[in-house]
Amino acid sequence: MQPTARLRYIFAQVKLRFGTSKISSAQFWKFIQPNFLIRPCNVAENSAPAEFSTLVRQNKWAQRDVSGSKMNVGGFAHQVGGHFGLLVCGGHVCKPLNAREIAFYEQIGERFAPYTAKCCGSVSISLQGWIDGSLTLSTDANVPCHSRSLCNDEVVFRLSKGGRVEADRYDNAWARQCQSKVVQKLLKGYAWFVLMENVVAHFARPCVVDLKMGTRQYGDDASAQKRATQAHKCRTSTSAEMGVRLVGMQLYREETSTYFYVNKYDGRQMDSDAFRETLTEYLVKAGRIRTITLMKKLVALRKLLAAAEGFRFFSSSLLIAFDAKTDKIDPDSCIELKMIDFAHSTFEGFLNDERHYGPDEGYLLGIDSLVDLLTNIVNHNLT
């Protein structure tokens, strides 16, 4: 089979969503071939054509061990946003693979490295069912580039008598819903996931906020219906006015030893006052030192983005996290700030995307709103 035909087969089976008809098979091959172990997706391994023997290439992000060692996979207990279920293995968060996002990580260089979670390559994940209904998820390879979580809070799944995937335990209803759907799809065969650095792995009691940034939440390739839907969400939420809205939050409360959750639907219904009130509760819990550190990081990120000519981070988020259990607070590492979700991001020369001029003003508006809020909290709530 010729390489072009082979690529078409992989493209069809993996069903990676570039989201645009402008991307050709040749471009897809250019960005995926050098860095990934590629096999057809959602097809039982023994049903793949003989021509599709495993293609193993050096991964420039992390060393893959394909000698037989695997990693166990569970549900990511601290997922607060997104509509794709996140899994976890080792020190990685496993996210359904999106070719545009991978290409973006490859080409942005090191300028955003301090503000992005590390992208560590890809693995295929499959599952095995047992007679008691329990499900075992595992990867096809071992990528030991990050340390494991401080606490064993990975969620396991099982198959109900009705054939539905259920999480064995979960306080986080949103994460349970998203992840059960992903695992349900794995019943049809293995699927490809990107390995991302788990930025809360070293936290014992992670308190996390996911903020959708900017005033526009669709990519250049979006359909008219998608554009209208996302524009409506911005107009009717804090996105239009503030350039930011709450997608999800979990906050640990010592008095009950439980987490308090806010989901994306709650976030969409918030006006600016409710948004500020919710973030104030989170940051008062974080404390003065962490809030001042976060403010400094936001100011530095704003400076970087203001100079990022032509970059657009449509529908991306800022992830903020700290450990509620830590008594020792290091001003340099007491709170995490990471840009995430780049499936619709772009810059000049990226693929065949439309060219944009100037910085991402919608994103800058969001950062300005956050800095103003943090300044007010430091001056009035954390004196």
Protein backbone atom coordinates (compact mmCIF):
# COMPACT_ATOMS: atom_id res chain seq x y z
CA MET A 1 0.00 0.00 0.00
CA GLN A 2 1.35 3.42 -0.97
CA PRO A 3 2.02 5.97 1.83
CA THR A 4 -0.78 8.24 0.64
CA ALA A 5 -3.36 5.44 0.73
CA ARG A 6 -2.00 4.34 4.10
CA LEU A 7 -2.41 7.85 5.43
CA ARG A 8 -5.97 8.07 4.17
CA TYR A 9 -6.78 4.86 6.01
CA ILE A 10 -5.24 6.12 9.25
CA PHE A 11 -6.98 9.47 8.86
CA ALA A 12 -10.35 7.80 8.38
CA GLN A 13 -9.96 5.39 11.28
CA VAL A 14 -8.42 7.73 13.82
CA LYS A 15 -11.04 10.35 12.98
CA LEU A 16 -8.85 13.15 14.15
CA ARG A 17 -10.74 16.37 13.82
CA PHE A 18 -8.76 19.09 12.22
CA GLY A 19 -12.06 20.91 11.97
CA THR A 20 -11.20 22.38 8.57
CA SER A 21 -11.30 21.18 4.99
CA LYS A 22 -8.19 23.23 4.25
CA ILE A 23 -5.85 20.64 5.77
CA SER A 24 -4.66 18.05 3.29
CA SER A 25 -3.50 14.50 3.92
CA ALA A 26 0.06 15.61 3.16
CA GLN A 27 -0.07 18.24 5.89
CA PHE A 28 -1.54 15.79 8.37
CA TRP A 29 1.30 13.35 7.64
CA LYS A 30 3.89 16.10 8.00
CA PHE A 31 2.84 16.95 11.53
CA ILE A 32 2.00 13.49 12.85
CA GLN A 33 4.48 11.07 11.29
CA PRO A 34 7.73 12.27 12.96
CA ASN A 35 6.51 12.06 16.52
CA PHE A 36 3.89 9.40 17.01
CA LEU A 37 3.41 5.70 17.04
CA ILE A 38 0.54 5.42 14.55
CA ARG A 39 -2.05 2.69 14.23
CA PRO A 40 -5.67 2.68 13.07
CA CYS A 41 -8.05 3.78 15.83
CA ASN A 42 -11.36 2.31 16.97
CA VAL A 43 -10.56 -0.97 15.21
CA ALA A 44 -9.63 -4.13 17.05
CA GLU A 45 -5.89 -4.58 16.69
CA ASN A 46 -6.14 -8.00 15.10
CA SER A 47 -8.53 -6.67 12.44
CA ALA A 48 -6.15 -4.06 11.03
CA PRO A 49 -4.69 -4.76 7.57
CA ALA A 50 -1.28 -6.44 7.52
CA GLU A 51 0.19 -3.41 5.77
CA PHE A 52 -0.41 -1.41 8.95
CA SER A 53 2.32 -2.90 11.06
CA THR A 54 3.23 -0.71 14.02
CA LEU A 55 5.19 2.35 12.96
CA VAL A 56 7.52 3.38 15.77
CA ARG A 57 9.48 6.60 15.53
CA GLN A 58 11.51 8.59 17.99
CA ASN A 59 9.28 10.83 20.08
CA LYS A 60 11.01 14.15 20.70
CA TRP A 61 8.89 14.91 23.79
CA ALA A 62 9.46 11.73 25.78
CA GLN A 63 11.10 8.33 25.49
CA ARG A 64 8.53 5.59 24.87
CA ASP A 65 9.08 2.10 26.23
CA VAL A 66 7.24 -0.27 23.89
CA SER A 67 8.99 -3.41 25.12
CA GLY A 68 5.88 -4.63 26.91
CA SER A 69 5.69 -2.30 29.87
CA LYS A 70 2.36 -0.53 30.17
CA MET A 71 0.74 2.04 32.44
CA ASN A 72 -2.53 1.56 34.29
CA VAL A 73 -5.12 4.22 33.51
CA GLY A 74 -7.91 5.66 35.67
CA GLY A 75 -10.29 8.58 35.65
CA PHE A 76 -8.83 12.02 36.44
CA ALA A 77 -10.53 12.92 39.71
CA HIS A 78 -9.72 16.62 39.46
CA GLN A 79 -11.21 17.42 36.05
CA VAL A 80 -13.35 20.54 36.42
CA GLY A 81 -13.87 21.65 32.81
CA GLY A 82 -13.96 20.54 29.21
CA HIS A 83 -16.42 18.27 27.43
CA PHE A 84 -13.93 15.48 26.69
CA GLY A 85 -13.33 13.09 29.58
CA LEU A 86 -9.78 13.14 30.94
CA LEU A 87 -7.97 10.05 32.16
CA VAL A 88 -4.78 9.81 34.20
CA CYS A 89 -1.76 7.51 34.25
CA GLY A 90 1.52 8.00 36.05
CA GLY A 91 2.19 11.71 36.18
CA HIS A 92 0.17 12.40 33.04
CA VAL A 93 -3.32 13.50 32.17
CA CYS A 94 -4.60 11.63 29.10
CA LYS A 95 -6.63 13.75 26.71
CA PRO A 96 -8.29 12.54 23.47
CA LEU A 97 -5.82 13.24 20.67
CA ASN A 98 -6.46 16.26 18.45
CA ALA A 99 -4.03 16.71 15.56
CA ARG A 100 -4.36 20.49 15.41
CA GLU A 101 -3.48 20.78 19.07
CA ILE A 102 -0.45 18.52 18.65
CA ALA A 103 0.75 20.56 15.69
CA PHE A 104 0.30 23.75 17.69
CA TYR A 105 2.42 22.43 20.55
CA GLU A 106 5.13 21.42 18.08
CA GLN A 107 5.39 24.82 16.45
CA ILE A 108 4.94 27.42 19.20
CA GLY A 109 8.51 26.96 20.41
CA GLU A 110 9.66 27.72 23.94
CA ARG A 111 8.23 31.19 24.44
CA PHE A 112 5.08 29.92 26.16
CA ALA A 113 6.77 27.02 27.98
CA PRO A 114 6.52 28.57 31.48
CA TYR A 115 2.77 28.96 31.03
CA THR A 116 1.79 25.67 29.38
CA ALA A 117 1.63 22.10 30.64
CA LYS A 118 4.24 19.91 28.95
CA CYS A 119 3.01 17.78 26.06
CA CYS A 120 4.66 14.36 26.41
CA GLY A 121 3.61 12.44 23.31
CA SER A 122 0.81 9.97 22.71
CA VAL A 123 -0.36 6.50 23.66
CA SER A 124 -3.22 4.27 22.68
CA ILE A 125 -5.48 3.20 25.53
CA SER A 126 -7.51 0.01 25.56
CA LEU A 127 -9.62 -1.75 28.16
CA GLN A 128 -10.27 -5.26 29.38
CA GLY A 129 -13.50 -6.33 31.03
CA TRP A 130 -13.84 -8.84 33.85
CA ILE A 131 -16.63 -11.16 34.92
CA ASP A 132 -17.51 -8.96 37.91
CA GLY A 133 -18.08 -5.99 35.59
CA SER A 134 -14.86 -4.18 36.46
CA LEU A 135 -12.85 -2.60 33.65
CA THR A 136 -9.06 -2.38 33.43
CA LEU A 137 -7.68 0.45 31.30
CA SER A 138 -4.05 0.43 30.17
CA THR A 139 -1.72 2.14 27.70
CA ASP A 140 0.27 0.53 24.92
CA ALA A 141 3.57 1.93 26.25
CA ASN A 142 5.28 3.40 29.27
CA VAL A 143 6.24 7.10 29.26
CA PRO A 144 7.86 7.73 32.68
CA CYS A 145 8.68 11.41 32.33
CA HIS A 146 6.71 12.76 35.31
CA SER A 147 6.26 11.69 38.91
CA ARG A 148 3.06 10.07 40.08
CA SER A 149 0.39 11.77 42.12
CA LEU A 150 0.87 12.31 45.86
CA CYS A 151 -2.47 10.68 46.61
CA ASN A 152 -4.03 7.61 45.04
CA ASP A 153 -7.24 9.18 43.79
CA GLU A 154 -7.53 7.63 40.34
CA VAL A 155 -11.10 6.61 39.58
CA VAL A 156 -11.90 3.10 38.33
CA PHE A 157 -14.77 2.12 36.05
CA ARG A 158 -17.12 -0.79 35.78
CA LEU A 159 -19.78 -2.00 33.37
CA SER A 160 -23.35 -2.11 34.66
CA LYS A 161 -25.70 -4.97 33.84
CA GLY A 162 -27.35 -2.64 31.34
CA GLY A 163 -24.06 -2.20 29.47
CA ARG A 164 -23.35 1.35 30.63
CA VAL A 165 -19.95 2.43 31.93
CA GLU A 166 -20.07 3.76 35.48
CA ALA A 167 -17.44 5.24 37.77
CA ASP A 168 -16.93 3.26 40.97
CA ARG A 169 -16.70 6.42 43.07
CA TYR A 170 -17.01 10.08 42.22
CA ASP A 171 -17.99 13.24 44.03
CA ASN A 172 -17.43 15.27 40.87
CA ALA A 173 -20.57 14.71 38.78
CA TRP A 174 -19.23 16.58 35.74
CA ALA A 175 -16.03 14.54 35.57
CA ARG A 176 -17.97 11.31 36.05
CA GLN A 177 -20.26 12.15 33.13
CA CYS A 178 -17.47 13.14 30.71
CA GLN A 179 -15.13 10.28 31.58
CA SER A 180 -17.79 7.57 31.49
CA LYS A 181 -18.55 8.61 27.89
CA VAL A 182 -14.89 8.31 26.90
CA VAL A 183 -14.55 4.87 28.49
CA GLN A 184 -17.82 3.78 26.83
CA LYS A 185 -16.20 4.52 23.47
CA LEU A 186 -13.21 2.36 24.41
CA LEU A 187 -15.54 -0.64 24.45
CA LYS A 188 -15.44 -0.43 20.63
CA GLY A 189 -11.64 -0.59 20.48
CA TYR A 190 -8.55 1.32 21.54
CA ALA A 191 -8.22 5.05 20.97
CA TRP A 192 -5.40 7.56 20.91
CA PHE A 193 -4.71 10.03 23.69
CA VAL A 194 -2.21 12.83 24.19
CA LEU A 195 -0.15 12.69 27.37
CA MET A 196 -0.10 16.02 29.17
CA GLU A 197 1.84 16.88 32.31
CA ASN A 198 -0.44 16.57 35.33
CA VAL A 199 0.16 19.94 36.97
CA VAL A 200 -1.73 18.98 40.15
CA ALA A 201 0.08 15.65 40.61
CA HIS A 202 2.17 17.08 43.46
CA PHE A 203 -0.90 18.43 45.28
CA ALA A 204 -2.61 16.46 48.05
CA ARG A 205 -5.82 18.56 48.02
CA PRO A 206 -5.93 20.31 44.63
CA CYS A 207 -8.12 23.41 44.40
CA VAL A 208 -8.65 24.11 40.70
CA VAL A 209 -10.26 26.77 38.54
CA ASP A 210 -10.73 26.50 34.76
CA LEU A 211 -11.33 29.87 33.07
CA LYS A 212 -12.39 30.19 29.42
CA MET A 213 -10.43 33.14 28.07
CA GLY A 214 -11.24 35.68 25.39
CA THR A 215 -14.30 37.18 23.75
CA ARG A 216 -14.50 34.63 20.92
CA GLN A 217 -14.85 30.89 21.45
CA TYR A 218 -14.77 29.38 17.93
CA GLY A 219 -11.99 28.73 15.46
CA ASP A 220 -11.70 30.12 11.95
CA ASP A 221 -12.86 26.77 10.56
CA ALA A 222 -16.10 26.67 12.58
CA SER A 223 -19.43 26.18 10.82
CA ALA A 224 -22.01 28.96 10.77
CA GLN A 225 -24.06 27.10 13.37
CA LYS A 226 -21.03 26.68 15.64
CA ARG A 227 -20.16 30.35 15.31
CA ALA A 228 -23.70 31.39 16.21
CA THR A 229 -23.85 29.04 19.20
CA GLN A 230 -20.51 30.14 20.62
CA ALA A 231 -21.21 33.83 19.97
CA HIS A 232 -24.47 33.48 21.92
CA LYS A 233 -22.62 31.89 24.86
CA CYS A 234 -20.22 34.82 24.93
CA ARG A 235 -22.96 37.46 24.69
CA THR A 236 -25.00 35.92 27.50
CA SER A 237 -22.10 35.29 29.89
CA THR A 238 -19.20 37.24 31.35
CA SER A 239 -17.07 36.49 28.25
CA ALA A 240 -18.27 39.51 26.27
CA GLU A 241 -17.89 42.04 29.08
CA MET A 242 -14.86 40.65 30.92
CA GLY A 243 -13.10 38.43 28.38
CA VAL A 244 -13.29 35.51 30.80
CA ARG A 245 -15.89 33.12 32.20
CA LEU A 246 -15.84 30.29 34.70
CA VAL A 247 -15.81 26.82 33.15
CA GLY A 248 -15.31 24.81 36.31
CA MET A 249 -14.02 24.91 39.87
CA GLN A 250 -13.30 22.61 42.77
CA LEU A 251 -12.50 24.01 46.20
CA TYR A 252 -11.57 21.91 49.22
CA ARG A 253 -13.34 22.66 52.48
CA GLU A 254 -11.61 21.45 55.65
CA GLU A 255 -14.72 21.75 57.80
CA THR A 256 -16.45 18.98 55.83
CA SER A 257 -13.37 17.31 54.26
CA THR A 258 -15.13 17.51 50.90
CA TYR A 259 -14.85 19.44 47.64
CA PHE A 260 -17.26 22.11 46.50
CA TYR A 261 -17.84 22.11 42.73
CA VAL A 262 -18.96 24.60 40.10
CA ASN A 263 -19.56 23.36 36.53
CA LYS A 264 -19.62 25.10 33.16
CA TYR A 265 -23.40 25.58 33.21
CA ASP A 266 -23.13 27.39 36.52
CA GLY A 267 -20.38 29.52 35.00
CA ARG A 268 -22.45 30.50 31.96
CA GLN A 269 -25.26 31.76 34.16
CA MET A 270 -23.02 34.01 36.24
CA ASP A 271 -23.08 37.75 35.76
CA SER A 272 -19.97 39.78 36.53
CA ASP A 273 -20.88 40.12 40.22
CA ALA A 274 -21.41 36.38 40.68
CA PHE A 275 -18.17 35.67 38.82
CA ARG A 276 -16.23 38.01 41.09
CA GLU A 277 -17.87 36.56 44.18
CA THR A 278 -16.97 32.99 43.19
CA LEU A 279 -13.36 33.84 42.34
CA THR A 280 -13.08 35.83 45.55
CA GLU A 281 -14.08 32.75 47.57
CA TYR A 282 -11.44 30.71 45.74
CA LEU A 283 -8.66 33.26 46.20
CA VAL A 284 -9.47 34.03 49.83
CA LYS A 285 -9.03 30.29 50.37
CA ALA A 286 -5.72 30.50 48.50
CA GLY A 287 -4.54 33.31 50.76
CA ARG A 288 -2.60 36.52 50.30
CA ILE A 289 0.79 35.08 49.27
CA ARG A 290 -0.68 32.81 46.59
CA THR A 291 -2.95 35.55 45.26
CA ILE A 292 -0.09 38.03 44.95
CA THR A 293 2.03 35.35 43.24
CA LEU A 294 -0.82 34.62 40.82
CA MET A 295 -1.20 38.31 40.06
CA LYS A 296 2.51 38.57 39.21
CA LYS A 297 2.24 35.56 36.91
CA LEU A 298 -0.78 37.06 35.15
CA VAL A 299 1.03 40.36 34.60
CA ALA A 300 4.03 38.50 33.13
CA LEU A 301 1.77 36.41 30.90
CA ARG A 302 -0.01 39.54 29.70
CA LYS A 303 3.31 41.06 28.66
CA LEU A 304 4.15 37.91 26.72
CA LEU A 305 0.77 37.77 24.97
CA ALA A 306 0.78 41.48 24.13
CA ALA A 307 3.94 40.85 22.10
CA ALA A 308 2.59 37.66 20.46
CA GLU A 309 1.83 39.09 17.01
CA GLY A 310 -0.86 37.19 15.13
CA PHE A 311 -1.55 34.62 17.83
CA ARG A 312 -5.15 33.72 18.62
CA PHE A 313 -6.14 31.40 21.45
CA PHE A 314 -9.78 30.83 20.53
CA SER A 315 -11.66 28.71 23.09
CA SER A 316 -8.55 28.11 25.21
CA SER A 317 -8.49 28.24 28.99
CA LEU A 318 -6.37 29.28 31.93
CA LEU A 319 -5.96 26.66 34.62
CA ILE A 320 -5.24 27.88 38.15
CA ALA A 321 -4.45 25.43 40.95
CA PHE A 322 -3.06 25.30 44.46
CA ASP A 323 -2.80 22.72 47.26
CA ALA A 324 -5.18 23.33 50.17
CA LYS A 325 -3.27 20.90 52.38
CA THR A 326 0.14 22.55 52.15
CA ASP A 327 1.21 24.59 55.16
CA LYS A 328 4.57 25.60 53.70
CA ILE A 329 4.03 28.21 51.00
CA ASP A 330 6.86 28.87 48.55
CA PRO A 331 6.13 32.19 46.80
CA ASP A 332 7.60 30.85 43.54
CA SER A 333 5.66 27.58 43.31
CA CYS A 334 2.67 27.95 45.62
CA ILE A 335 0.13 28.34 42.81
CA GLU A 336 0.02 27.05 39.22
CA LEU A 337 -1.05 29.08 36.19
CA LYS A 338 -1.21 27.22 32.87
CA MET A 339 -2.68 27.91 29.44
CA ILE A 340 -4.52 24.82 28.18
CA ASP A 341 -6.72 23.62 25.28
CA PHE A 342 -5.22 24.76 21.96
CA ALA A 343 -7.39 22.84 19.49
CA HIS A 344 -8.63 26.11 17.93
CA SER A 345 -5.53 28.25 18.45
CA THR A 346 -3.53 29.65 15.57
CA PHE A 347 -0.76 32.01 14.51
CA GLU A 348 0.77 33.31 11.29
CA GLY A 349 1.97 30.42 9.13
CA PHE A 350 0.21 27.72 11.13
CA LEU A 351 -1.20 25.14 8.72
CA ASN A 352 -3.28 27.04 6.13
CA ASP A 353 -5.08 29.14 8.71
CA GLU A 354 -6.37 32.64 8.22
CA ARG A 355 -3.85 35.30 9.19
CA HIS A 356 -4.62 37.56 12.15
CA TYR A 357 -2.94 40.83 13.04
CA GLY A 358 -1.91 42.19 16.39
CA PRO A 359 -2.23 40.39 19.74
CA ASP A 360 -5.29 38.51 20.98
CA GLU A 361 -7.18 41.47 22.43
CA GLY A 362 -9.99 39.30 23.79
CA TYR A 363 -7.53 37.23 25.81
CA LEU A 364 -5.79 40.39 27.05
CA LEU A 365 -9.15 41.76 28.19
CA GLY A 366 -9.66 38.59 30.21
CA ILE A 367 -6.28 38.91 31.90
CA ASP A 368 -6.92 42.59 32.66
CA SER A 369 -10.24 41.66 34.28
CA LEU A 370 -8.52 39.04 36.41
CA VAL A 371 -5.71 41.38 37.47
CA ASP A 372 -8.26 44.03 38.48
CA LEU A 373 -10.18 41.43 40.48
CA LEU A 374 -7.05 40.11 42.21
CA THR A 375 -5.89 43.63 43.05
CA ASN A 376 -9.23 44.34 44.69
CA ILE A 377 -9.14 41.06 46.63
CA VAL A 378 -5.61 41.72 47.92
CA ASN A 379 -6.53 45.25 48.99
CA HIS A 380 -9.90 44.50 50.58
CA ASN A 381 -10.24 40.79 51.40
CA LEU A 382 -6.69 39.71 52.20
CA THR A 383 -5.25 42.65 54.13
